[in-house]
Every structure is written in C-alpha cells, then in structure tokens.
C-alpha atoms as a PDB file:
ATOM      1  CA  MET A   1       0.000   0.000   0.000  1.00  0.00           C
ATOM      2  CA  PRO A   2       1.401   3.476  -0.847  1.00  0.00           C
ATOM      3  CA  VAL A   3       2.742   5.494   2.074  1.00  0.00           C
ATOM      4  CA  PRO A   4       0.222   8.227   2.967  1.00  0.00           C
ATOM      5  CA  LEU A   5       1.316  11.835   2.624  1.00  0.00           C
ATOM      6  CA  VAL A   6       0.768  14.636   5.138  1.00  0.00           C
ATOM      7  CA  ASP A   7       0.070  18.190   4.000  1.00  0.00           C
ATOM      8  CA  THR A   8       1.349  20.049   7.043  1.00  0.00           C
ATOM      9  CA  HIS A   9      -0.042  23.451   5.996  1.00  0.00           C
ATOM     10  CA  CYS A  10      -3.194  23.988   3.934  1.00  0.00           C
ATOM     11  CA  HIS A  11      -5.868  26.673   4.327  1.00  0.00           C
ATOM     12  CA  LEU A  12      -8.719  24.452   3.214  1.00  0.00           C
ATOM     13  CA  ASP A  13     -11.165  26.681   5.076  1.00  0.00           C
ATOM     14  CA  ALA A  14     -10.357  29.631   2.763  1.00  0.00           C
ATOM     15  CA  ALA A  15     -13.050  31.280   0.649  1.00  0.00           C
ATOM     16  CA  GLU A  16     -11.308  30.064  -2.507  1.00  0.00           C
ATOM     17  CA  PHE A  17     -12.622  26.585  -1.676  1.00  0.00           C
ATOM     18  CA  ASP A  18     -16.193  27.525  -0.762  1.00  0.00           C
ATOM     19  CA  SER A  19     -17.630  26.259  -4.047  1.00  0.00           C
ATOM     20  CA  ASP A  20     -15.900  22.854  -4.106  1.00  0.00           C
ATOM     21  CA  ARG A  21     -14.241  22.145  -0.745  1.00  0.00           C
ATOM     22  CA  ASP A  22     -15.591  18.591  -0.486  1.00  0.00           C
ATOM     23  CA  ALA A  23     -14.365  17.748  -3.985  1.00  0.00           C
ATOM     24  CA  VAL A  24     -10.930  19.269  -3.306  1.00  0.00           C
ATOM     25  CA  ALA A  25     -10.545  17.261  -0.121  1.00  0.00           C
ATOM     26  CA  GLU A  26     -11.723  14.067  -1.813  1.00  0.00           C
ATOM     27  CA  ALA A  27      -9.296  14.573  -4.717  1.00  0.00           C
ATOM     28  CA  ALA A  28      -6.447  14.975  -2.229  1.00  0.00           C
ATOM     29  CA  ARG A  29      -7.418  11.775  -0.439  1.00  0.00           C
ATOM     30  CA  ARG A  30      -7.545   9.890  -3.738  1.00  0.00           C
ATOM     31  CA  ALA A  31      -4.082  11.234  -4.536  1.00  0.00           C
ATOM     32  CA  GLY A  32      -2.733   9.746  -1.303  1.00  0.00           C
ATOM     33  CA  VAL A  33      -2.893  12.730   1.060  1.00  0.00           C
ATOM     34  CA  ALA A  34      -4.153  11.127   4.245  1.00  0.00           C
ATOM     35  CA  ALA A  35      -3.831  14.109   6.591  1.00  0.00           C
ATOM     36  CA  ILE A  36      -4.201  17.861   6.037  1.00  0.00           C
ATOM     37  CA  VAL A  37      -3.296  20.352   8.754  1.00  0.00           C
ATOM     38  CA  VAL A  38      -5.564  23.417   8.542  1.00  0.00           C
ATOM     39  CA  PRO A  39      -4.203  26.459  10.435  1.00  0.00           C
ATOM     40  CA  ALA A  40      -6.330  29.441  11.371  1.00  0.00           C
ATOM     41  CA  VAL A  41      -5.173  33.030  10.839  1.00  0.00           C
ATOM     42  CA  GLU A  42      -7.520  35.115  13.028  1.00  0.00           C
ATOM     43  CA  LEU A  43     -10.158  34.624  15.687  1.00  0.00           C
ATOM     44  CA  ALA A  44     -12.963  35.201  13.170  1.00  0.00           C
ATOM     45  CA  ASN A  45     -12.019  32.119  11.164  1.00  0.00           C
ATOM     46  CA  PHE A  46     -11.578  29.716  14.079  1.00  0.00           C
ATOM     47  CA  PRO A  47     -15.138  28.360  13.593  1.00  0.00           C
ATOM     48  CA  ALA A  48     -14.547  27.820   9.861  1.00  0.00           C
ATOM     49  CA  VAL A  49     -11.369  25.874  10.570  1.00  0.00           C
ATOM     50  CA  ARG A  50     -13.133  23.769  13.186  1.00  0.00           C
ATOM     51  CA  ASP A  51     -16.101  23.054  10.911  1.00  0.00           C
ATOM     52  CA  CYS A  52     -13.839  22.184   7.970  1.00  0.00           C
ATOM     53  CA  CYS A  53     -11.930  19.687  10.095  1.00  0.00           C
ATOM     54  CA  ILE A  54     -15.129  18.115  11.407  1.00  0.00           C
ATOM     55  CA  ARG A  55     -16.550  17.799   7.904  1.00  0.00           C
ATOM     56  CA  GLU A  56     -13.485  16.593   5.987  1.00  0.00           C
ATOM     57  CA  PRO A  57     -11.886  13.261   6.964  1.00  0.00           C
ATOM     58  CA  GLY A  58      -8.192  13.550   7.712  1.00  0.00           C
ATOM     59  CA  CYS A  59      -8.241  17.308   8.351  1.00  0.00           C
ATOM     60  CA  LEU A  60      -6.681  18.483  11.607  1.00  0.00           C
ATOM     61  CA  ALA A  61      -7.102  21.961  13.081  1.00  0.00           C
ATOM     62  CA  ALA A  62      -4.598  24.463  14.425  1.00  0.00           C
ATOM     63  CA  TYR A  63      -5.604  27.800  15.939  1.00  0.00           C
ATOM     64  CA  GLY A  64      -3.555  30.977  15.911  1.00  0.00           C
ATOM     65  CA  LEU A  65      -3.322  34.686  15.100  1.00  0.00           C
ATOM     66  CA  HIS A  66      -1.321  35.337  11.913  1.00  0.00           C
ATOM     67  CA  PRO A  67       1.105  38.295  11.927  1.00  0.00           C
ATOM     68  CA  MET A  68      -0.228  39.683   8.647  1.00  0.00           C
ATOM     69  CA  TYR A  69      -3.640  40.264  10.257  1.00  0.00           C
ATOM     70  CA  ILE A  70      -2.532  42.304  13.262  1.00  0.00           C
ATOM     71  CA  ASP A  71      -5.010  45.038  12.373  1.00  0.00           C
ATOM     72  CA  ARG A  72      -7.787  42.531  13.133  1.00  0.00           C
ATOM     73  CA  HIS A  73      -6.325  41.100  16.334  1.00  0.00           C
ATOM     74  CA  ARG A  74      -7.091  42.478  19.760  1.00  0.00           C
ATOM     75  CA  PRO A  75      -5.291  41.792  23.064  1.00  0.00           C
ATOM     76  CA  GLU A  76      -8.324  39.896  24.365  1.00  0.00           C
ATOM     77  CA  HIS A  77      -8.021  37.464  21.445  1.00  0.00           C
ATOM     78  CA  ILE A  78      -5.123  35.785  23.250  1.00  0.00           C
ATOM     79  CA  ALA A  79      -7.507  34.740  26.006  1.00  0.00           C
ATOM     80  CA  GLU A  80      -9.994  33.597  23.349  1.00  0.00           C
ATOM     81  CA  LEU A  81      -7.248  31.540  21.703  1.00  0.00           C
ATOM     82  CA  ARG A  82      -6.403  29.942  25.023  1.00  0.00           C
ATOM     83  CA  ALA A  83     -10.078  29.053  25.536  1.00  0.00           C
ATOM     84  CA  TRP A  84     -10.328  27.524  22.051  1.00  0.00           C
ATOM     85  CA  VAL A  85      -7.201  25.456  22.614  1.00  0.00           C
ATOM     86  CA  GLU A  86      -8.457  24.216  25.959  1.00  0.00           C
ATOM     87  CA  ARG A  87     -11.897  23.329  24.572  1.00  0.00           C
ATOM     88  CA  GLU A  88     -11.078  22.012  21.082  1.00  0.00           C
ATOM     89  CA  HIS A  89      -7.726  20.251  21.642  1.00  0.00           C
ATOM     90  CA  PRO A  90      -6.144  21.264  18.314  1.00  0.00           C
ATOM     91  CA  LEU A  91      -3.113  19.643  16.757  1.00  0.00           C
ATOM     92  CA  ALA A  92      -1.006  22.794  17.097  1.00  0.00           C
ATOM     93  CA  VAL A  93      -0.978  26.541  17.720  1.00  0.00           C
ATOM     94  CA  GLY A  94      -0.735  28.341  14.401  1.00  0.00           C
ATOM     95  CA  GLU A  95      -0.373  30.040  12.109  1.00  0.00           C
ATOM     96  CA  ILE A  96       1.710  32.407  14.204  1.00  0.00           C
ATOM     97  CA  GLY A  97       5.000  34.216  13.754  1.00  0.00           C
ATOM     98  CA  LEU A  98       6.655  37.350  12.398  1.00  0.00           C
ATOM     99  CA  ASP A  99       6.676  39.012   8.987  1.00  0.00           C
ATOM    100  CA  LEU A 100       9.370  41.575   8.161  1.00  0.00           C
ATOM    101  CA  PHE A 101       8.600  41.490   4.430  1.00  0.00           C
ATOM    102  CA  ALA A 102       5.051  42.812   4.095  1.00  0.00           C
ATOM    103  CA  PRO A 103       4.883  46.609   4.482  1.00  0.00           C
ATOM    104  CA  GLY A 104       2.951  48.386   7.204  1.00  0.00           C
ATOM    105  CA  LEU A 105       3.086  45.688   9.904  1.00  0.00           C
ATOM    106  CA  ASP A 106       4.228  47.131  13.214  1.00  0.00           C
ATOM    107  CA  TYR A 107       6.983  44.900  14.535  1.00  0.00           C
ATOM    108  CA  ALA A 108       6.361  45.491  18.228  1.00  0.00           C
ATOM    109  CA  THR A 109       2.703  44.504  17.823  1.00  0.00           C
ATOM    110  CA  GLN A 110       3.612  41.402  15.836  1.00  0.00           C
ATOM    111  CA  GLU A 111       6.175  40.426  18.446  1.00  0.00           C
ATOM    112  CA  SER A 112       3.709  40.824  21.291  1.00  0.00           C
ATOM    113  CA  TYR A 113       1.134  38.520  19.710  1.00  0.00           C
ATOM    114  CA  TYR A 114       3.821  36.020  18.714  1.00  0.00           C
ATOM    115  CA  VAL A 115       5.283  35.791  22.215  1.00  0.00           C
ATOM    116  CA  GLU A 116       1.898  35.472  23.904  1.00  0.00           C
ATOM    117  CA  GLN A 117       0.914  32.668  21.538  1.00  0.00           C
ATOM    118  CA  LEU A 118       4.168  30.844  22.191  1.00  0.00           C
ATOM    119  CA  LYS A 119       3.189  30.925  25.865  1.00  0.00           C
ATOM    120  CA  VAL A 120      -0.163  29.318  25.007  1.00  0.00           C
ATOM    121  CA  ALA A 121       1.638  26.558  23.079  1.00  0.00           C
ATOM    122  CA  ARG A 122       4.057  26.041  25.956  1.00  0.00           C
ATOM    123  CA  ASP A 123       1.286  25.889  28.545  1.00  0.00           C
ATOM    124  CA  PHE A 124      -0.659  23.263  26.552  1.00  0.00           C
ATOM    125  CA  ASP A 125       2.464  21.406  25.351  1.00  0.00           C
ATOM    126  CA  LEU A 126       1.566  21.927  21.688  1.00  0.00           C
ATOM    127  CA  PRO A 127       3.783  22.392  18.627  1.00  0.00           C
ATOM    128  CA  VAL A 128       3.662  25.680  16.730  1.00  0.00           C
ATOM    129  CA  LEU A 129       3.185  26.373  13.020  1.00  0.00           C
ATOM    130  CA  LEU A 130       5.401  29.346  12.236  1.00  0.00           C
ATOM    131  CA  HIS A 131       5.020  32.065   9.624  1.00  0.00           C
ATOM    132  CA  VAL A 132       8.587  33.265   9.057  1.00  0.00           C
ATOM    133  CA  ARG A 133       9.340  35.932   6.451  1.00  0.00           C
ATOM    134  CA  ARG A 134      12.726  37.620   6.770  1.00  0.00           C
ATOM    135  CA  ALA A 135      12.496  37.053  10.517  1.00  0.00           C
ATOM    136  CA  ASN A 136      14.247  33.756  11.179  1.00  0.00           C
ATOM    137  CA  ASP A 137      16.649  35.084  13.799  1.00  0.00           C
ATOM    138  CA  GLN A 138      13.908  36.963  15.648  1.00  0.00           C
ATOM    139  CA  ILE A 139      11.658  33.898  15.579  1.00  0.00           C
ATOM    140  CA  LEU A 140      14.466  31.697  16.873  1.00  0.00           C
ATOM    141  CA  LYS A 141      15.326  34.104  19.696  1.00  0.00           C
ATOM    142  CA  HIS A 142      11.873  33.784  21.260  1.00  0.00           C
ATOM    143  CA  LEU A 143      11.681  30.028  20.715  1.00  0.00           C
ATOM    144  CA  ARG A 144      14.909  29.639  22.673  1.00  0.00           C
ATOM    145  CA  ARG A 145      13.865  32.108  25.374  1.00  0.00           C
ATOM    146  CA  LEU A 146      10.546  30.377  26.011  1.00  0.00           C
ATOM    147  CA  GLY A 147      11.799  26.831  25.596  1.00  0.00           C
ATOM    148  CA  ILE A 148       9.624  25.896  22.606  1.00  0.00           C
ATOM    149  CA  THR A 149      10.979  22.673  21.128  1.00  0.00           C
ATOM    150  CA  ARG A 150       8.379  21.413  18.645  1.00  0.00           C
ATOM    151  CA  GLY A 151       6.899  22.828  15.494  1.00  0.00           C
ATOM    152  CA  ILE A 152       7.304  23.618  11.813  1.00  0.00           C
ATOM    153  CA  ALA A 153       8.901  26.620  10.149  1.00  0.00           C
ATOM    154  CA  HIS A 154       6.337  26.958   7.366  1.00  0.00           C
ATOM    155  CA  ALA A 155       7.539  27.851   3.834  1.00  0.00           C
ATOM    156  CA  PHE A 156      11.127  27.909   5.039  1.00  0.00           C
ATOM    157  CA  ASN A 157      13.443  30.157   3.032  1.00  0.00           C
ATOM    158  CA  GLY A 158      16.246  30.998   5.452  1.00  0.00           C
ATOM    159  CA  SER A 159      19.929  30.214   5.344  1.00  0.00           C
ATOM    160  CA  LEU A 160      21.510  26.819   5.892  1.00  0.00           C
ATOM    161  CA  HIS A 161      22.759  28.059   9.271  1.00  0.00           C
ATOM    162  CA  GLN A 162      19.268  29.199  10.285  1.00  0.00           C
ATOM    163  CA  ALA A 163      17.829  25.882   9.133  1.00  0.00           C
ATOM    164  CA  ARG A 164      20.258  24.054  11.376  1.00  0.00           C
ATOM    165  CA  GLU A 165      19.299  26.291  14.316  1.00  0.00           C
ATOM    166  CA  PHE A 166      15.630  25.320  13.872  1.00  0.00           C
ATOM    167  CA  LEU A 167      16.631  21.667  13.724  1.00  0.00           C
ATOM    168  CA  LYS A 168      18.643  21.981  16.940  1.00  0.00           C
ATOM    169  CA  LEU A 169      15.465  23.115  18.681  1.00  0.00           C
ATOM    170  CA  GLY A 170      13.514  20.092  17.400  1.00  0.00           C
ATOM    171  CA  PHE A 171      11.684  21.836  14.552  1.00  0.00           C
ATOM    172  CA  LYS A 172      10.987  20.655  11.013  1.00  0.00           C
ATOM    173  CA  LEU A 173      11.077  22.809   7.883  1.00  0.00           C
ATOM    174  CA  GLY A 174       8.099  23.095   5.516  1.00  0.00           C
ATOM    175  CA  PHE A 175       8.790  22.700   1.783  1.00  0.00           C
ATOM    176  CA  GLY A 176       6.089  23.168  -0.839  1.00  0.00           C
ATOM    177  CA  GLY A 177       5.371  24.726  -4.199  1.00  0.00           C
ATOM    178  CA  ALA A 178       8.222  27.242  -4.069  1.00  0.00           C
ATOM    179  CA  VAL A 179      10.851  24.506  -4.374  1.00  0.00           C
ATOM    180  CA  THR A 180       9.409  23.352  -7.715  1.00  0.00           C
ATOM    181  CA  TYR A 181      10.544  26.403  -9.723  1.00  0.00           C
ATOM    182  CA  SER A 182      13.768  26.170 -11.697  1.00  0.00           C
ATOM    183  CA  ARG A 183      14.881  29.523 -10.298  1.00  0.00           C
ATOM    184  CA  SER A 184      14.525  28.306  -6.693  1.00  0.00           C
ATOM    185  CA  THR A 185      18.141  27.201  -6.513  1.00  0.00           C
ATOM    186  CA  HIS A 186      18.552  28.177  -2.854  1.00  0.00           C
ATOM    187  CA  LEU A 187      15.603  26.066  -1.709  1.00  0.00           C
ATOM    188  CA  GLN A 188      16.719  23.176  -3.870  1.00  0.00           C
ATOM    189  CA  ARG A 189      20.211  23.332  -2.375  1.00  0.00           C
ATOM    190  CA  LEU A 190      18.719  23.326   1.117  1.00  0.00           C
ATOM    191  CA  ALA A 191      16.610  20.276   0.276  1.00  0.00           C
ATOM    192  CA  ARG A 192      19.718  18.459  -0.957  1.00  0.00           C
ATOM    193  CA  GLU A 193      22.053  19.446   1.871  1.00  0.00           C
ATOM    194  CA  LEU A 194      19.813  19.211   4.923  1.00  0.00           C
ATOM    195  CA  PRO A 195      19.279  15.832   6.565  1.00  0.00           C
ATOM    196  CA  ARG A 196      16.172  14.083   5.312  1.00  0.00           C
ATOM    197  CA  GLU A 197      14.792  14.152   8.839  1.00  0.00           C
ATOM    198  CA  ALA A 198      14.484  17.954   8.490  1.00  0.00           C
ATOM    199  CA  LEU A 199      11.759  18.259   5.854  1.00  0.00           C
ATOM    200  CA  VAL A 200       7.990  18.074   5.913  1.00  0.00           C
ATOM    201  CA  LEU A 201       5.732  18.660   2.914  1.00  0.00           C
ATOM    202  CA  GLU A 202       3.080  21.336   2.584  1.00  0.00           C
ATOM    203  CA  THR A 203       1.034  23.120  -0.049  1.00  0.00           C
ATOM    204  CA  ASP A 204      -0.164  26.313   1.718  1.00  0.00           C
ATOM    205  CA  ALA A 205      -3.152  25.948  -0.623  1.00  0.00           C
ATOM    206  CA  PRO A 206      -4.732  27.991  -2.076  1.00  0.00           C
ATOM    207  CA  ASP A 207      -1.441  29.949  -2.032  1.00  0.00           C
ATOM    208  CA  ILE A 208       2.165  29.204  -3.146  1.00  0.00           C
ATOM    209  CA  PRO A 209       1.155  27.212  -6.243  1.00  0.00           C
ATOM    210  CA  PRO A 210       3.814  24.928  -7.738  1.00  0.00           C
ATOM    211  CA  ALA A 211       5.450  25.647 -11.091  1.00  0.00           C
ATOM    212  CA  TRP A 212       2.964  23.617 -13.142  1.00  0.00           C
ATOM    213  CA  ILE A 213       0.083  25.767 -11.822  1.00  0.00           C
ATOM    214  CA  ALA A 214       1.978  29.077 -11.764  1.00  0.00           C
ATOM    215  CA  LYS A 215      -0.637  31.691 -10.842  1.00  0.00           C
ATOM    216  CA  GLY A 216      -3.604  29.324 -10.481  1.00  0.00           C
ATOM    217  CA  ARG A 217      -5.286  28.070  -7.326  1.00  0.00           C
ATOM    218  CA  ASN A 218      -3.186  25.584  -5.397  1.00  0.00           C
ATOM    219  CA  THR A 219      -4.822  22.507  -3.822  1.00  0.00           C
ATOM    220  CA  PRO A 220      -3.629  19.694  -1.523  1.00  0.00           C
ATOM    221  CA  GLU A 221      -3.961  17.295  -4.467  1.00  0.00           C
ATOM    222  CA  GLU A 222      -0.636  18.716  -5.722  1.00  0.00           C
ATOM    223  CA  LEU A 223       1.331  17.302  -2.784  1.00  0.00           C
ATOM    224  CA  PRO A 224       2.383  14.053  -4.534  1.00  0.00           C
ATOM    225  CA  ARG A 225       3.914  16.017  -7.422  1.00  0.00           C
ATOM    226  CA  ILE A 226       5.759  18.223  -4.939  1.00  0.00           C
ATOM    227  CA  ALA A 227       7.059  15.006  -3.365  1.00  0.00           C
ATOM    228  CA  GLU A 228       8.308  13.950  -6.807  1.00  0.00           C
ATOM    229  CA  VAL A 229      10.368  17.139  -7.033  1.00  0.00           C
ATOM    230  CA  ILE A 230      11.916  16.402  -3.646  1.00  0.00           C
ATOM    231  CA  ALA A 231      12.586  12.839  -4.795  1.00  0.00           C
ATOM    232  CA  ARG A 232      14.650  14.133  -7.712  1.00  0.00           C
ATOM    233  CA  LEU A 233      16.606  16.387  -5.370  1.00  0.00           C
ATOM    234  CA  TRP A 234      17.201  13.478  -2.995  1.00  0.00           C
ATOM    235  CA  ASP A 235      17.949  11.047  -5.842  1.00  0.00           C
ATOM    236  CA  CYS A 236      15.424   8.542  -4.583  1.00  0.00           C
ATOM    237  CA  ASP A 237      11.889   7.452  -5.413  1.00  0.00           C
ATOM    238  CA  SER A 238       8.718   9.212  -4.311  1.00  0.00           C
ATOM    239  CA  ALA A 239       7.847   6.406  -1.914  1.00  0.00           C
ATOM    240  CA  GLU A 240      10.958   7.181   0.122  1.00  0.00           C
ATOM    241  CA  VAL A 241      10.036  10.876   0.243  1.00  0.00           C
ATOM    242  CA  ALA A 242       6.536   9.968   1.414  1.00  0.00           C
ATOM    243  CA  ARG A 243       7.878   7.591   4.045  1.00  0.00           C
ATOM    244  CA  GLN A 244      10.434  10.050   5.414  1.00  0.00           C
ATOM    245  CA  THR A 245       8.364  13.239   5.344  1.00  0.00           C
ATOM    246  CA  THR A 246       5.314  11.526   6.819  1.00  0.00           C
ATOM    247  CA  ALA A 247       7.491  10.129   9.619  1.00  0.00           C
ATOM    248  CA  ASN A 248       8.874  13.626  10.182  1.00  0.00           C
ATOM    249  CA  ALA A 249       5.386  15.144  10.356  1.00  0.00           C
ATOM    250  CA  ARG A 250       4.181  12.450  12.719  1.00  0.00           C
ATOM    251  CA  ALA A 251       7.146  13.016  15.014  1.00  0.00           C
ATOM    252  CA  VAL A 252       6.811  16.775  15.357  1.00  0.00           C
ATOM    253  CA  LEU A 253       3.000  16.949  15.363  1.00  0.00           C
ATOM    254  CA  ASN A 254       2.315  13.845  17.467  1.00  0.00           C
ATOM    255  CA  LEU A 255       0.277  12.264  14.698  1.00  0.00           C
ATOM    256  CA  PRO A 256      -0.671   8.592  15.162  1.00  0.00           C
ATOM    257  CA  ALA A 257       2.128   6.261  14.196  1.00  0.00           C
ATOM    258  CA  ASP A 258       0.318   3.409  12.465  1.00  0.00           C
ATOM    259  CA  GLY A 259      -1.691   3.294   9.304  1.00  0.00           C
ATOM    260  CA  GLU A 260      -3.459   5.677   6.970  1.00  0.00           C
ATOM    261  CA  ALA A 261      -6.752   5.314   8.793  1.00  0.00           C
ATOM    262  CA  ALA A 262      -5.153   6.439  12.030  1.00  0.00           C
ATOM    263  CA  LEU A 263      -4.185   9.713  10.453  1.00  0.00           C
END
C-alpha cells in the first residue's frame, strides 16, 4: 500500500474553496494525502477551521493569530485563543510568527502577539506552526527564550545556518510549491544538503502554487507532485520521500504512528 502523505499546511477553510471544498478534499485523499493540517489566521475564522476539520476526513485543526492580520487582532483574542485550545484540543498553535517582508506591519505589535501565543503553546504542550518571512533570527530568539521545542517553520526560506538552528530546537522545515521552480536554486540546495529528517511537505493551498500551476489556485492534491520534485533532489523514489516526510510530520506533530486510517 502506498505510504500516505501529510500536507502540514493547507488553508482548506479559505473562501477560494467555498464552491468545491468537499471535492478538493476528496481529490487529495484519492491522490494519497491522508492528513491535512488546517491552520487558522484570526479569531474570526476559528469556527470555519473547526467546521472544515469536522466535515473533511483527515483534516486536523490548528488555531492561531497570523502576523499579517494584526489590524484585526485584539489583546483579548489571546484569552480567546487559550479558551479555544483548551476546549477544542487542536493539533497545534498556528499560524503564528513574524513578517518583516510585508509593508505596514508594526513589529512590536507582531512580536507581542507572537510571544503570547508561544506561551499558550508552551502551557498546553503543543507544537507551533510558524510564519517566518525575513524574521528567522527573531523567531528563533523567542523560541529559545521560552523553551519551545516542537513545530514547523512553514515555507522555510532561510539560510543553511538558520535551518540548522531550527533543527537543533527540534523543529521541522516546511517545503512546498516554491521549491518546484527552476529559479529556486537556494531552496533546492537546502533540500539536498539538509538531513532528510528535516523536511515536511506542505502546499499552503490555495497559495504558493507549484510551477505547473503558476498563478492558479493551489490545492492539496498537488502534494504528490511536490514530493516527486523532492525525490529528484534526494535522488530517490517518491515512496521514500513519502515515508520520510510523513514520519517527520508524525514526530513533530504527534500524529498517530500506524496506518493511513489512524491519520
């Protein structure tokens, strides 16, 4: 039986899937994607994430306040997040982090929400799903300070040194559509040079479409083809990529260890 794949980051609750969410999820399952982690981005979409994960087999929720939506967050939302985590028992806290790329995002405000959410993850012993854009060192500083030792650096695009610092802390690195472009030589070098235990697969659907979609809508059904790209970089077959990356995801996210149905 083929090794099931895990999409460690997919916004299946997004409005882009409102017209065909069930079909998208079913197509991913048929393609061999047995588990899809669905992270929230703001308090207002927590119910949509929860409902999506109840409705779609294999979908697993994470709750968090995304740094790109700080204009929508309020200090009291941290307490609301804590209540959701306590009541719903999500897989992880996320999507959280820091973004020093997008203009107009106050750093001090981002940092405050990030740190408070790390404390929620620490208190409930949950991994974190990290949004990291041009902020690897700042992200790492707070992980070390607060003793956070499990999670995924989503859409990783840092240096080899920064990658190794995440790995030292017990984190995995998310690779998805960006690695499939011929111009993505840095990501491809990272995939080749890092230990295979470092990588997990993701789509970030509907965003970060792979090269064969270009500017179209991304879906979790594309994960096997992304795995094929990694297989070429690793000089192995796709089954080995599925086996290794699924084991990596299970380890860092505490997914069940045995069988597709358990996912």
